């Protein structure tokens, strides 16, 4: 039972680590269905995101 619980905890930890790594590596692209607004007014929809420079670009 102890080995099962240790494996379960290790598996959860590894899956969380892989998810956060993948979000950082593959997190760039277009946010389909998202809307950027400022002061309640829509600026643009479906913006492009660059996670490396932490920017949202509206075309």
PDB file of N, CA and C in Angstrom:
ATOM      1  N   UNK A   1       0.820  -1.190   0.000  1.00  0.00           N
ATOM      2  CA  UNK A   1       0.000   0.000   0.000  1.00  0.00           C
ATOM      3  C   UNK A   1       0.868   1.261   0.000  1.00  0.00           C
ATOM      4  N   UNK A   2       1.980   1.199   0.704  1.00  0.00           N
ATOM      5  CA  UNK A   2       2.878   2.338   0.774  1.00  0.00           C
ATOM      6  C   UNK A   2       3.491   2.641  -0.599  1.00  0.00           C
ATOM      7  N   UNK A   3       3.846   1.594  -1.328  1.00  0.00           N
ATOM      8  CA  UNK A   3       4.401   1.784  -2.673  1.00  0.00           C
ATOM      9  C   UNK A   3       3.358   2.393  -3.606  1.00  0.00           C
ATOM     10  N   UNK A   4       2.119   1.980  -3.467  1.00  0.00           N
ATOM     11  CA  UNK A   4       1.048   2.534  -4.298  1.00  0.00           C
ATOM     12  C   UNK A   4       0.892   4.032  -4.036  1.00  0.00           C
ATOM     13  N   UNK A   5       0.836   4.421  -2.776  1.00  0.00           N
ATOM     14  CA  UNK A   5       0.689   5.840  -2.428  1.00  0.00           C
ATOM     15  C   UNK A   5       1.894   6.657  -2.881  1.00  0.00           C
ATOM     16  N   UNK A   6       3.085   6.101  -2.744  1.00  0.00           N
ATOM     17  CA  UNK A   6       4.285   6.806  -3.207  1.00  0.00           C
ATOM     18  C   UNK A   6       4.249   6.979  -4.720  1.00  0.00           C
ATOM     19  N   UNK A   7       3.819   5.948  -5.437  1.00  0.00           N
ATOM     20  CA  UNK A   7       3.701   6.045  -6.894  1.00  0.00           C
ATOM     21  C   UNK A   7       2.636   7.032  -7.316  1.00  0.00           C
ATOM     22  N   UNK A   8       1.532   7.064  -6.585  1.00  0.00           N
ATOM     23  CA  UNK A   8       0.460   8.011  -6.874  1.00  0.00           C
ATOM     24  C   UNK A   8       0.930   9.446  -6.686  1.00  0.00           C
ATOM     25  N   UNK A   9       1.601   9.721  -5.593  1.00  0.00           N
ATOM     26  CA  UNK A   9       2.122  11.067  -5.330  1.00  0.00           C
ATOM     27  C   UNK A   9       3.165  11.457  -6.373  1.00  0.00           C
ATOM     28  N   UNK A  10       4.050  10.545  -6.711  1.00  0.00           N
ATOM     29  CA  UNK A  10       5.059  10.822  -7.738  1.00  0.00           C
ATOM     30  C   UNK A  10       4.406  11.079  -9.093  1.00  0.00           C
ATOM     31  N   UNK A  11       3.396  10.303  -9.441  1.00  0.00           N
ATOM     32  CA  UNK A  11       2.698  10.491 -10.711  1.00  0.00           C
ATOM     33  C   UNK A  11       1.989  11.827 -10.783  1.00  0.00           C
ATOM     34  N   UNK A  12       1.365  12.227  -9.693  1.00  0.00           N
ATOM     35  CA  UNK A  12       0.698  13.538  -9.670  1.00  0.00           C
ATOM     36  C   UNK A  12       1.722  14.651  -9.815  1.00  0.00           C
ATOM     37  N   UNK A  13       2.827  14.549  -9.103  1.00  0.00           N
ATOM     38  CA  UNK A  13       3.880  15.560  -9.192  1.00  0.00           C
ATOM     39  C   UNK A  13       4.439  15.659 -10.613  1.00  0.00           C
ATOM     40  N   UNK A  14       4.720  14.534 -11.242  1.00  0.00           N
ATOM     41  CA  UNK A  14       5.272  14.542 -12.602  1.00  0.00           C
ATOM     42  C   UNK A  14       4.272  15.093 -13.616  1.00  0.00           C
ATOM     43  N   UNK A  15       2.994  14.788 -13.457  1.00  0.00           N
ATOM     44  CA  UNK A  15       2.002  15.309 -14.395  1.00  0.00           C
ATOM     45  C   UNK A  15       1.844  16.812 -14.249  1.00  0.00           C
ATOM     46  N   UNK A  16       1.894  17.329 -13.038  1.00  0.00           N
ATOM     47  CA  UNK A  16       1.821  18.779 -12.843  1.00  0.00           C
ATOM     48  C   UNK A  16       3.065  19.475 -13.415  1.00  0.00           C
ATOM     49  N   UNK A  17       4.215  18.867 -13.226  1.00  0.00           N
ATOM     50  CA  UNK A  17       5.454  19.445 -13.756  1.00  0.00           C
ATOM     51  C   UNK A  17       5.430  19.455 -15.285  1.00  0.00           C
ATOM     52  N   UNK A  18       4.961  18.376 -15.893  1.00  0.00           N
ATOM     53  CA  UNK A  18       4.909  18.303 -17.356  1.00  0.00           C
ATOM     54  C   UNK A  18       3.904  19.303 -17.916  1.00  0.00           C
ATOM     55  N   UNK A  19       2.784  19.494 -17.231  1.00  0.00           N
ATOM     56  CA  UNK A  19       1.778  20.450 -17.687  1.00  0.00           C
ATOM     57  C   UNK A  19       2.309  21.870 -17.641  1.00  0.00           C
ATOM     58  N   UNK A  20       2.969  22.243 -16.567  1.00  0.00           N
ATOM     59  CA  UNK A  20       3.497  23.602 -16.466  1.00  0.00           C
ATOM     60  C   UNK A  20       4.631  23.826 -17.465  1.00  0.00           C
ATOM     61  N   UNK A  21       5.447  22.817 -17.710  1.00  0.00           N
ATOM     62  CA  UNK A  21       6.517  22.944 -18.707  1.00  0.00           C
ATOM     63  C   UNK A  21       5.928  23.123 -20.104  1.00  0.00           C
ATOM     64  N   UNK A  22       4.918  22.343 -20.438  1.00  0.00           N
ATOM     65  CA  UNK A  22       4.303  22.418 -21.766  1.00  0.00           C
ATOM     66  C   UNK A  22       3.618  23.763 -21.980  1.00  0.00           C
ATOM     67  N   UNK A  23       3.015  24.317 -20.949  1.00  0.00           N
ATOM     68  CA  UNK A  23       2.367  25.625 -21.082  1.00  0.00           C
ATOM     69  C   UNK A  23       3.403  26.706 -21.378  1.00  0.00           C
ATOM     70  N   UNK A  24       4.569  26.606 -20.784  1.00  0.00           N
ATOM     71  CA  UNK A  24       5.622  27.588 -21.046  1.00  0.00           C
ATOM     72  C   UNK A  24       6.245  27.437 -22.417  1.00  0.00           C
ATOM     73  N   UNK A  25       6.389  26.221 -22.895  1.00  0.00           N
ATOM     74  CA  UNK A  25       7.037  25.972 -24.181  1.00  0.00           C
ATOM     75  C   UNK A  25       6.077  26.195 -25.343  1.00  0.00           C
ATOM     76  N   UNK A  26       4.860  25.699 -25.215  1.00  0.00           N
ATOM     77  CA  UNK A  26       3.909  25.738 -26.317  1.00  0.00           C
ATOM     78  C   UNK A  26       2.798  26.762 -26.105  1.00  0.00           C
ATOM     79  N   UNK A  27       3.019  27.755 -25.260  1.00  0.00           N
ATOM     80  CA  UNK A  27       1.962  28.701 -24.907  1.00  0.00           C
ATOM     81  C   UNK A  27       1.775  29.850 -25.859  1.00  0.00           C
ATOM     82  N   UNK A  28       2.491  29.929 -26.949  1.00  0.00           N
ATOM     83  CA  UNK A  28       2.338  31.023 -27.897  1.00  0.00           C
ATOM     84  C   UNK A  28       1.317  30.650 -28.956  1.00  0.00           C
ATOM     85  N   UNK A  29       0.699  31.664 -29.534  1.00  0.00           N
ATOM     86  CA  UNK A  29      -0.281  31.412 -30.579  1.00  0.00           C
ATOM     87  C   UNK A  29      -1.442  32.370 -30.484  1.00  0.00           C
ATOM     88  N   UNK A  30      -2.558  31.977 -31.042  1.00  0.00           N
ATOM     89  CA  UNK A  30      -3.749  32.810 -31.060  1.00  0.00           C
ATOM     90  C   UNK A  30      -4.728  32.342 -29.996  1.00  0.00           C
ATOM     91  N   UNK A  31      -5.296  33.283 -29.272  1.00  0.00           N
ATOM     92  CA  UNK A  31      -6.313  32.979 -28.274  1.00  0.00           C
ATOM     93  C   UNK A  31      -7.680  33.090 -28.940  1.00  0.00           C
ATOM     94  N   UNK A  32      -8.124  32.003 -29.535  1.00  0.00           N
ATOM     95  CA  UNK A  32      -9.401  31.998 -30.247  1.00  0.00           C
ATOM     96  C   UNK A  32     -10.554  32.154 -29.259  1.00  0.00           C
ATOM     97  N   UNK A  33     -11.448  33.076 -29.570  1.00  0.00           N
ATOM     98  CA  UNK A  33     -12.620  33.302 -28.734  1.00  0.00           C
ATOM     99  C   UNK A  33     -12.385  34.284 -27.599  1.00  0.00           C
ATOM    100  N   UNK A  34     -11.183  34.836 -27.481  1.00  0.00           N
ATOM    101  CA  UNK A  34     -10.890  35.792 -26.418  1.00  0.00           C
ATOM    102  C   UNK A  34     -11.101  37.205 -26.937  1.00  0.00           C
ATOM    103  N   UNK A  35     -11.445  38.115 -26.051  1.00  0.00           N
ATOM    104  CA  UNK A  35     -11.630  39.525 -26.388  1.00  0.00           C
ATOM    105  C   UNK A  35     -10.788  40.361 -25.439  1.00  0.00           C
ATOM    106  N   UNK A  36     -10.054  41.326 -25.996  1.00  0.00           N
ATOM    107  CA  UNK A  36      -9.268  42.248 -25.191  1.00  0.00           C
ATOM    108  C   UNK A  36     -10.075  43.530 -25.061  1.00  0.00           C
ATOM    109  N   UNK A  37     -10.263  43.986 -23.825  1.00  0.00           N
ATOM    110  CA  UNK A  37     -11.022  45.213 -23.608  1.00  0.00           C
ATOM    111  C   UNK A  37     -10.266  46.128 -22.666  1.00  0.00           C
ATOM    112  N   UNK A  38     -10.501  47.431 -22.836  1.00  0.00           N
ATOM    113  CA  UNK A  38      -9.892  48.439 -21.984  1.00  0.00           C
ATOM    114  C   UNK A  38     -10.974  49.441 -21.616  1.00  0.00           C
ATOM    115  N   UNK A  39     -11.146  49.656 -20.341  1.00  0.00           N
ATOM    116  CA  UNK A  39     -12.183  50.553 -19.823  1.00  0.00           C
ATOM    117  C   UNK A  39     -13.564  50.165 -20.331  1.00  0.00           C
ATOM    118  N   UNK A  40     -13.823  48.877 -20.465  1.00  0.00           N
ATOM    119  CA  UNK A  40     -15.127  48.384 -20.882  1.00  0.00           C
ATOM    120  C   UNK A  40     -15.365  48.391 -22.378  1.00  0.00           C
ATOM    121  N   UNK A  41     -14.415  48.872 -23.162  1.00  0.00           N
ATOM    122  CA  UNK A  41     -14.559  48.917 -24.624  1.00  0.00           C
ATOM    123  C   UNK A  41     -13.684  47.848 -25.256  1.00  0.00           C
ATOM    124  N   UNK A  42     -14.212  47.173 -26.259  1.00  0.00           N
ATOM    125  CA  UNK A  42     -13.466  46.108 -26.927  1.00  0.00           C
ATOM    126  C   UNK A  42     -12.356  46.697 -27.791  1.00  0.00           C
ATOM    127  N   UNK A  43     -11.134  46.206 -27.559  1.00  0.00           N
ATOM    128  CA  UNK A  43      -9.977  46.645 -28.335  1.00  0.00           C
ATOM    129  C   UNK A  43      -9.791  45.738 -29.541  1.00  0.00           C
ATOM    130  N   UNK A  44      -9.810  44.429 -29.308  1.00  0.00           N
ATOM    131  CA  UNK A  44      -9.698  43.459 -30.391  1.00  0.00           C
ATOM    132  C   UNK A  44     -10.185  42.106 -29.915  1.00  0.00           C
ATOM    133  N   UNK A  45     -10.353  41.206 -30.852  1.00  0.00           N
ATOM    134  CA  UNK A  45     -10.725  39.838 -30.506  1.00  0.00           C
ATOM    135  C   UNK A  45      -9.729  38.886 -31.155  1.00  0.00           C
ATOM    136  N   UNK A  46      -9.588  37.705 -30.594  1.00  0.00           N
ATOM    137  CA  UNK A  46      -8.645  36.682 -31.041  1.00  0.00           C
ATOM    138  C   UNK A  46      -7.214  37.225 -31.139  1.00  0.00           C
ATOM    139  N   UNK A  47      -6.659  37.730 -30.014  1.00  0.00           N
ATOM    140  CA  UNK A  47      -5.303  38.294 -30.050  1.00  0.00           C
ATOM    141  C   UNK A  47      -4.233  37.216 -30.166  1.00  0.00           C
ATOM    142  N   UNK A  48      -3.055  37.628 -30.591  1.00  0.00           N
ATOM    143  CA  UNK A  48      -1.881  36.741 -30.635  1.00  0.00           C
ATOM    144  C   UNK A  48      -1.128  36.895 -29.327  1.00  0.00           C
ATOM    145  N   UNK A  49      -0.549  35.782 -28.839  1.00  0.00           N
ATOM    146  CA  UNK A  49       0.167  35.802 -27.573  1.00  0.00           C
ATOM    147  C   UNK A  49       1.568  35.270 -27.778  1.00  0.00           C
ATOM    148  N   UNK A  50       2.538  35.969 -27.204  1.00  0.00           N
ATOM    149  CA  UNK A  50       3.924  35.509 -27.188  1.00  0.00           C
ATOM    150  C   UNK A  50       4.340  35.376 -25.725  1.00  0.00           C
ATOM    151  N   UNK A  51       4.412  34.143 -25.242  1.00  0.00           N
ATOM    152  CA  UNK A  51       4.735  33.921 -23.830  1.00  0.00           C
ATOM    153  C   UNK A  51       6.188  34.221 -23.522  1.00  0.00           C
ATOM    154  N   UNK A  52       7.055  34.151 -24.520  1.00  0.00           N
ATOM    155  CA  UNK A  52       8.463  34.442 -24.283  1.00  0.00           C
ATOM    156  C   UNK A  52       8.680  35.881 -23.864  1.00  0.00           C
ATOM    157  N   UNK A  53       8.013  36.809 -24.518  1.00  0.00           N
ATOM    158  CA  UNK A  53       8.125  38.222 -24.176  1.00  0.00           C
ATOM    159  C   UNK A  53       6.954  38.697 -23.329  1.00  0.00           C
ATOM    160  N   UNK A  54       6.021  37.793 -23.014  1.00  0.00           N
ATOM    161  CA  UNK A  54       4.842  38.076 -22.196  1.00  0.00           C
ATOM    162  C   UNK A  54       4.044  39.241 -22.765  1.00  0.00           C
ATOM    163  N   UNK A  55       3.693  39.129 -24.056  1.00  0.00           N
ATOM    164  CA  UNK A  55       2.949  40.175 -24.752  1.00  0.00           C
ATOM    165  C   UNK A  55       1.687  39.610 -25.387  1.00  0.00           C
ATOM    166  N   UNK A  56       0.647  40.427 -25.395  1.00  0.00           N
ATOM    167  CA  UNK A  56      -0.563  40.145 -26.148  1.00  0.00           C
ATOM    168  C   UNK A  56      -0.617  41.162 -27.261  1.00  0.00           C
ATOM    169  N   UNK A  57      -0.698  40.688 -28.499  1.00  0.00           N
ATOM    170  CA  UNK A  57      -0.669  41.584 -29.657  1.00  0.00           C
ATOM    171  C   UNK A  57      -2.032  41.587 -30.354  1.00  0.00           C
ATOM    172  N   UNK A  58      -2.576  42.778 -30.531  1.00  0.00           N
ATOM    173  CA  UNK A  58      -3.833  42.946 -31.254  1.00  0.00           C
ATOM    174  C   UNK A  58      -3.515  43.450 -32.660  1.00  0.00           C
ATOM    175  N   UNK A  59      -4.087  42.801 -33.662  1.00  0.00           N
ATOM    176  CA  UNK A  59      -3.849  43.226 -35.043  1.00  0.00           C
ATOM    177  C   UNK A  59      -4.984  44.111 -35.520  1.00  0.00           C
TER     178      UNK A  59
END
